[in-house]
Amino acid sequence: MRKIVVAAILAACLVLPLPCLCGCGSGGATQPTAPDNTGAQTTPSTGPGAGEVEVFLLEGETVRPSKRSVAVPGAKSALEELLKGPTAGELAQGLHTEIPTGTRLNSFEAAGGIARADLSSEMRNYGGGSARVQAIMSQLQDTIMANDDSVKTVVITVDGVPSEEALQP
């Protein structure tokens, strides 16, 4: 009797996984379908593609990427896009920025792993507060670094004044 029970358990262990294994593998008749993009929403991205940049906006207090199409991809184009503020579609998704309206990019250079961005005096109109300064710096740094893999350090100035001095909480 004991041999029959052991044999039944062994047979069950060998037979039960077969339906799972038969369903695995490729070559099935069904094809995967593309997601429905009719909502025209910007989705979180895994990096910019050709003719695209990533700008980092805020969703609540969280910084997250949003893709935009540009003629010439790169960190400078991405910063210029970021300074334009959220698009209507991004606003509809609840995205916003802490960067003051009207802020312009005075200059930008990236060399030797260091990116230097000088912003216009409008940046000083951010309203104060350490959380706001941190959000602004995260938006700027993340946007630059996501669009130039060689950049390891970001230096932000406002009309030539280091951000640590120009953006006092």
C-alpha atoms as a PDB file:
ATOM      1  CA  MET A   1       0.000   0.000   0.000  1.00  0.00           C
ATOM      2  CA  ARG A   2       2.806   2.367   0.893  1.00  0.00           C
ATOM      3  CA  LYS A   3       4.484   1.777  -2.500  1.00  0.00           C
ATOM      4  CA  ILE A   4       1.232   2.698  -4.278  1.00  0.00           C
ATOM      5  CA  VAL A   5       0.932   6.006  -2.375  1.00  0.00           C
ATOM      6  CA  VAL A   6       4.576   6.906  -3.096  1.00  0.00           C
ATOM      7  CA  ALA A   7       4.105   5.999  -6.766  1.00  0.00           C
ATOM      8  CA  ALA A   8       0.938   8.119  -6.957  1.00  0.00           C
ATOM      9  CA  ILE A   9       2.687  11.126  -5.389  1.00  0.00           C
ATOM     10  CA  LEU A  10       5.661  10.730  -7.729  1.00  0.00           C
ATOM     11  CA  ALA A  11       3.356  10.493 -10.753  1.00  0.00           C
ATOM     12  CA  ALA A  12       1.461  13.591  -9.631  1.00  0.00           C
ATOM     13  CA  CYS A  13       4.729  15.530  -9.260  1.00  0.00           C
ATOM     14  CA  LEU A  14       5.708  14.606 -12.796  1.00  0.00           C
ATOM     15  CA  VAL A  15       2.320  15.157 -14.468  1.00  0.00           C
ATOM     16  CA  LEU A  16       1.004  18.307 -12.736  1.00  0.00           C
ATOM     17  CA  PRO A  17       3.708  20.699 -14.025  1.00  0.00           C
ATOM     18  CA  LEU A  18       3.095  19.672 -17.664  1.00  0.00           C
ATOM     19  CA  PRO A  19       0.225  22.108 -18.367  1.00  0.00           C
ATOM     20  CA  CYS A  20       2.345  24.972 -17.051  1.00  0.00           C
ATOM     21  CA  LEU A  21       5.342  23.951 -19.129  1.00  0.00           C
ATOM     22  CA  CYS A  22       3.275  23.480 -22.272  1.00  0.00           C
ATOM     23  CA  GLY A  23       2.051  27.056 -22.030  1.00  0.00           C
ATOM     24  CA  CYS A  24       5.604  28.447 -21.896  1.00  0.00           C
ATOM     25  CA  GLY A  25       7.814  29.280 -24.836  1.00  0.00           C
ATOM     26  CA  SER A  26       7.488  31.158 -28.059  1.00  0.00           C
ATOM     27  CA  GLY A  27       5.806  30.358 -31.294  1.00  0.00           C
ATOM     28  CA  GLY A  28       2.245  30.791 -30.077  1.00  0.00           C
ATOM     29  CA  ALA A  29      -0.403  31.955 -32.527  1.00  0.00           C
ATOM     30  CA  THR A  30      -1.244  35.197 -30.736  1.00  0.00           C
ATOM     31  CA  GLN A  31       0.683  38.404 -31.353  1.00  0.00           C
ATOM     32  CA  PRO A  32       1.225  41.036 -28.660  1.00  0.00           C
ATOM     33  CA  THR A  33      -0.785  44.188 -29.132  1.00  0.00           C
ATOM     34  CA  ALA A  34       0.480  47.725 -28.753  1.00  0.00           C
ATOM     35  CA  PRO A  35      -0.970  49.787 -25.919  1.00  0.00           C
ATOM     36  CA  ASP A  36      -3.730  52.227 -26.758  1.00  0.00           C
ATOM     37  CA  ASN A  37      -2.130  55.672 -26.956  1.00  0.00           C
ATOM     38  CA  THR A  38      -5.284  57.571 -27.792  1.00  0.00           C
ATOM     39  CA  GLY A  39      -5.115  59.381 -24.437  1.00  0.00           C
ATOM     40  CA  ALA A  40      -2.056  61.322 -25.729  1.00  0.00           C
ATOM     41  CA  GLN A  41      -0.535  61.420 -22.277  1.00  0.00           C
ATOM     42  CA  THR A  42       3.143  61.755 -21.564  1.00  0.00           C
ATOM     43  CA  THR A  43       4.365  58.598 -19.896  1.00  0.00           C
ATOM     44  CA  PRO A  44       7.300  57.997 -17.597  1.00  0.00           C
ATOM     45  CA  SER A  45      10.269  57.269 -19.765  1.00  0.00           C
ATOM     46  CA  THR A  46      13.381  55.162 -19.764  1.00  0.00           C
ATOM     47  CA  GLY A  47      15.535  57.736 -21.536  1.00  0.00           C
ATOM     48  CA  PRO A  48      15.272  60.052 -24.480  1.00  0.00           C
ATOM     49  CA  GLY A  49      15.103  58.651 -27.999  1.00  0.00           C
ATOM     50  CA  ALA A  50      16.124  60.213 -31.306  1.00  0.00           C
ATOM     51  CA  GLY A  51      14.755  63.743 -31.551  1.00  0.00           C
ATOM     52  CA  GLU A  52      13.585  63.623 -27.934  1.00  0.00           C
ATOM     53  CA  VAL A  53      14.674  65.033 -24.616  1.00  0.00           C
ATOM     54  CA  GLU A  54      13.549  64.348 -21.077  1.00  0.00           C
ATOM     55  CA  VAL A  55      12.507  67.213 -18.859  1.00  0.00           C
ATOM     56  CA  PHE A  56      11.919  66.628 -15.178  1.00  0.00           C
ATOM     57  CA  LEU A  57       8.723  68.056 -13.733  1.00  0.00           C
ATOM     58  CA  LEU A  58       6.998  67.656 -10.400  1.00  0.00           C
ATOM     59  CA  GLU A  59       4.062  65.422  -9.633  1.00  0.00           C
ATOM     60  CA  GLY A  60       3.198  66.539  -6.132  1.00  0.00           C
ATOM     61  CA  GLU A  61       6.635  66.577  -4.529  1.00  0.00           C
ATOM     62  CA  THR A  62       8.074  63.840  -6.750  1.00  0.00           C
ATOM     63  CA  VAL A  63      10.341  64.713  -9.669  1.00  0.00           C
ATOM     64  CA  ARG A  64       9.546  62.627 -12.741  1.00  0.00           C
ATOM     65  CA  PRO A  65      10.580  62.630 -16.407  1.00  0.00           C
ATOM     66  CA  SER A  66       8.447  63.675 -19.331  1.00  0.00           C
ATOM     67  CA  LYS A  67       9.517  63.298 -22.975  1.00  0.00           C
ATOM     68  CA  ARG A  68       9.418  66.133 -25.488  1.00  0.00           C
ATOM     69  CA  SER A  69      10.260  66.260 -29.170  1.00  0.00           C
ATOM     70  CA  VAL A  70      13.028  68.652 -30.218  1.00  0.00           C
ATOM     71  CA  ALA A  71      14.978  69.396 -33.390  1.00  0.00           C
ATOM     72  CA  VAL A  72      18.386  68.925 -31.750  1.00  0.00           C
ATOM     73  CA  PRO A  73      18.463  66.569 -28.751  1.00  0.00           C
ATOM     74  CA  GLY A  74      20.840  67.196 -25.864  1.00  0.00           C
ATOM     75  CA  ALA A  75      21.100  68.716 -22.427  1.00  0.00           C
ATOM     76  CA  LYS A  76      20.932  72.329 -23.660  1.00  0.00           C
ATOM     77  CA  SER A  77      17.732  71.673 -25.643  1.00  0.00           C
ATOM     78  CA  ALA A  78      16.288  69.833 -22.659  1.00  0.00           C
ATOM     79  CA  LEU A  79      17.004  72.778 -20.347  1.00  0.00           C
ATOM     80  CA  GLU A  80      15.418  75.193 -22.803  1.00  0.00           C
ATOM     81  CA  GLU A  81      12.331  72.955 -22.907  1.00  0.00           C
ATOM     82  CA  LEU A  82      12.229  72.723 -19.104  1.00  0.00           C
ATOM     83  CA  LEU A  83      12.350  76.512 -18.792  1.00  0.00           C
ATOM     84  CA  LYS A  84       9.288  76.816 -21.053  1.00  0.00           C
ATOM     85  CA  GLY A  85       7.274  75.217 -18.256  1.00  0.00           C
ATOM     86  CA  PRO A  86       4.805  72.332 -18.468  1.00  0.00           C
ATOM     87  CA  THR A  87       2.839  71.796 -21.676  1.00  0.00           C
ATOM     88  CA  ALA A  88      -0.966  71.710 -21.606  1.00  0.00           C
ATOM     89  CA  GLY A  89      -0.816  67.912 -21.679  1.00  0.00           C
ATOM     90  CA  GLU A  90       1.611  67.802 -18.766  1.00  0.00           C
ATOM     91  CA  LEU A  91      -0.542  70.217 -16.760  1.00  0.00           C
ATOM     92  CA  ALA A  92      -3.566  67.997 -17.454  1.00  0.00           C
ATOM     93  CA  GLN A  93      -1.596  65.110 -15.922  1.00  0.00           C
ATOM     94  CA  GLY A  94      -0.993  67.109 -12.758  1.00  0.00           C
ATOM     95  CA  LEU A  95       2.634  67.977 -13.523  1.00  0.00           C
ATOM     96  CA  HIS A  96       4.082  71.337 -12.532  1.00  0.00           C
ATOM     97  CA  THR A  97       7.367  73.160 -12.020  1.00  0.00           C
ATOM     98  CA  GLU A  98       8.868  75.279  -9.271  1.00  0.00           C
ATOM     99  CA  ILE A  99      11.068  77.154 -11.761  1.00  0.00           C
ATOM    100  CA  PRO A 100       9.757  80.731 -12.027  1.00  0.00           C
ATOM    101  CA  THR A 101       8.039  81.773 -15.256  1.00  0.00           C
ATOM    102  CA  GLY A 102      10.284  83.777 -17.557  1.00  0.00           C
ATOM    103  CA  THR A 103      13.546  82.168 -16.425  1.00  0.00           C
ATOM    104  CA  ARG A 104      15.934  81.930 -19.394  1.00  0.00           C
ATOM    105  CA  LEU A 105      19.133  80.034 -20.071  1.00  0.00           C
ATOM    106  CA  ASN A 106      21.956  82.607 -20.305  1.00  0.00           C
ATOM    107  CA  SER A 107      24.609  80.020 -21.143  1.00  0.00           C
ATOM    108  CA  PHE A 108      25.301  76.304 -21.066  1.00  0.00           C
ATOM    109  CA  GLU A 109      28.414  74.217 -21.506  1.00  0.00           C
ATOM    110  CA  ALA A 110      29.329  70.633 -20.756  1.00  0.00           C
ATOM    111  CA  ALA A 111      32.923  69.416 -20.761  1.00  0.00           C
ATOM    112  CA  GLY A 112      35.012  67.003 -18.739  1.00  0.00           C
ATOM    113  CA  GLY A 113      31.960  65.533 -17.013  1.00  0.00           C
ATOM    114  CA  ILE A 114      30.869  68.932 -15.668  1.00  0.00           C
ATOM    115  CA  ALA A 115      27.823  70.819 -16.945  1.00  0.00           C
ATOM    116  CA  ARG A 116      27.541  74.535 -16.219  1.00  0.00           C
ATOM    117  CA  ALA A 117      24.213  76.305 -16.658  1.00  0.00           C
ATOM    118  CA  ASP A 118      23.764  80.008 -15.999  1.00  0.00           C
ATOM    119  CA  LEU A 119      20.159  81.129 -15.597  1.00  0.00           C
ATOM    120  CA  SER A 120      18.595  84.583 -15.802  1.00  0.00           C
ATOM    121  CA  SER A 121      17.662  86.747 -12.818  1.00  0.00           C
ATOM    122  CA  GLU A 122      14.000  85.638 -13.025  1.00  0.00           C
ATOM    123  CA  MET A 123      15.132  82.483 -11.207  1.00  0.00           C
ATOM    124  CA  ARG A 124      15.368  84.580  -8.037  1.00  0.00           C
ATOM    125  CA  ASN A 125      11.563  84.983  -8.089  1.00  0.00           C
ATOM    126  CA  TYR A 126      10.996  81.434  -6.820  1.00  0.00           C
ATOM    127  CA  GLY A 127       9.374  82.579  -3.585  1.00  0.00           C
ATOM    128  CA  GLY A 128      11.743  81.075  -1.028  1.00  0.00           C
ATOM    129  CA  GLY A 129      11.737  77.900   1.016  1.00  0.00           C
ATOM    130  CA  SER A 130      14.245  75.059   1.203  1.00  0.00           C
ATOM    131  CA  ALA A 131      11.814  72.492  -0.248  1.00  0.00           C
ATOM    132  CA  ARG A 132      11.227  74.721  -3.273  1.00  0.00           C
ATOM    133  CA  VAL A 133      14.981  75.245  -3.783  1.00  0.00           C
ATOM    134  CA  GLN A 134      15.532  71.476  -3.581  1.00  0.00           C
ATOM    135  CA  ALA A 135      12.757  70.854  -6.127  1.00  0.00           C
ATOM    136  CA  ILE A 136      14.219  73.436  -8.529  1.00  0.00           C
ATOM    137  CA  MET A 137      17.718  71.992  -8.236  1.00  0.00           C
ATOM    138  CA  SER A 138      16.424  68.440  -8.740  1.00  0.00           C
ATOM    139  CA  GLN A 139      14.519  69.473 -11.861  1.00  0.00           C
ATOM    140  CA  LEU A 140      17.587  71.185 -13.333  1.00  0.00           C
ATOM    141  CA  GLN A 141      20.143  68.518 -12.394  1.00  0.00           C
ATOM    142  CA  ASP A 142      17.984  65.559 -13.419  1.00  0.00           C
ATOM    143  CA  THR A 143      17.107  67.186 -16.753  1.00  0.00           C
ATOM    144  CA  ILE A 144      20.767  67.841 -17.586  1.00  0.00           C
ATOM    145  CA  MET A 145      22.054  64.431 -16.493  1.00  0.00           C
ATOM    146  CA  ALA A 146      19.295  62.481 -18.252  1.00  0.00           C
ATOM    147  CA  ASN A 147      20.180  64.118 -21.554  1.00  0.00           C
ATOM    148  CA  ASP A 148      23.981  63.916 -21.396  1.00  0.00           C
ATOM    149  CA  ASP A 149      25.439  60.657 -20.103  1.00  0.00           C
ATOM    150  CA  SER A 150      28.921  62.186 -19.814  1.00  0.00           C
ATOM    151  CA  VAL A 151      27.807  64.692 -17.147  1.00  0.00           C
ATOM    152  CA  LYS A 152      28.613  63.652 -13.581  1.00  0.00           C
ATOM    153  CA  THR A 153      28.458  67.097 -11.922  1.00  0.00           C
ATOM    154  CA  VAL A 154      26.065  69.997 -12.517  1.00  0.00           C
ATOM    155  CA  VAL A 155      26.916  73.590 -11.580  1.00  0.00           C
ATOM    156  CA  ILE A 156      24.015  76.061 -11.591  1.00  0.00           C
ATOM    157  CA  THR A 157      24.481  79.829 -11.423  1.00  0.00           C
ATOM    158  CA  VAL A 158      22.034  82.723 -11.591  1.00  0.00           C
ATOM    159  CA  ASP A 159      23.512  85.660 -13.511  1.00  0.00           C
ATOM    160  CA  GLY A 160      26.945  84.289 -12.612  1.00  0.00           C
ATOM    161  CA  VAL A 161      26.200  83.884  -8.892  1.00  0.00           C
ATOM    162  CA  PRO A 162      26.437  80.293  -7.548  1.00  0.00           C
ATOM    163  CA  SER A 163      23.021  78.781  -6.814  1.00  0.00           C
ATOM    164  CA  GLU A 164      23.960  78.310  -3.145  1.00  0.00           C
ATOM    165  CA  GLU A 165      24.083  82.110  -2.833  1.00  0.00           C
ATOM    166  CA  ALA A 166      21.430  83.121  -5.362  1.00  0.00           C
ATOM    167  CA  LEU A 167      18.759  80.683  -4.167  1.00  0.00           C
ATOM    168  CA  GLN A 168      18.637  81.154  -0.422  1.00  0.00           C
ATOM    169  CA  PRO A 169      15.845  79.234   1.318  1.00  0.00           C
END
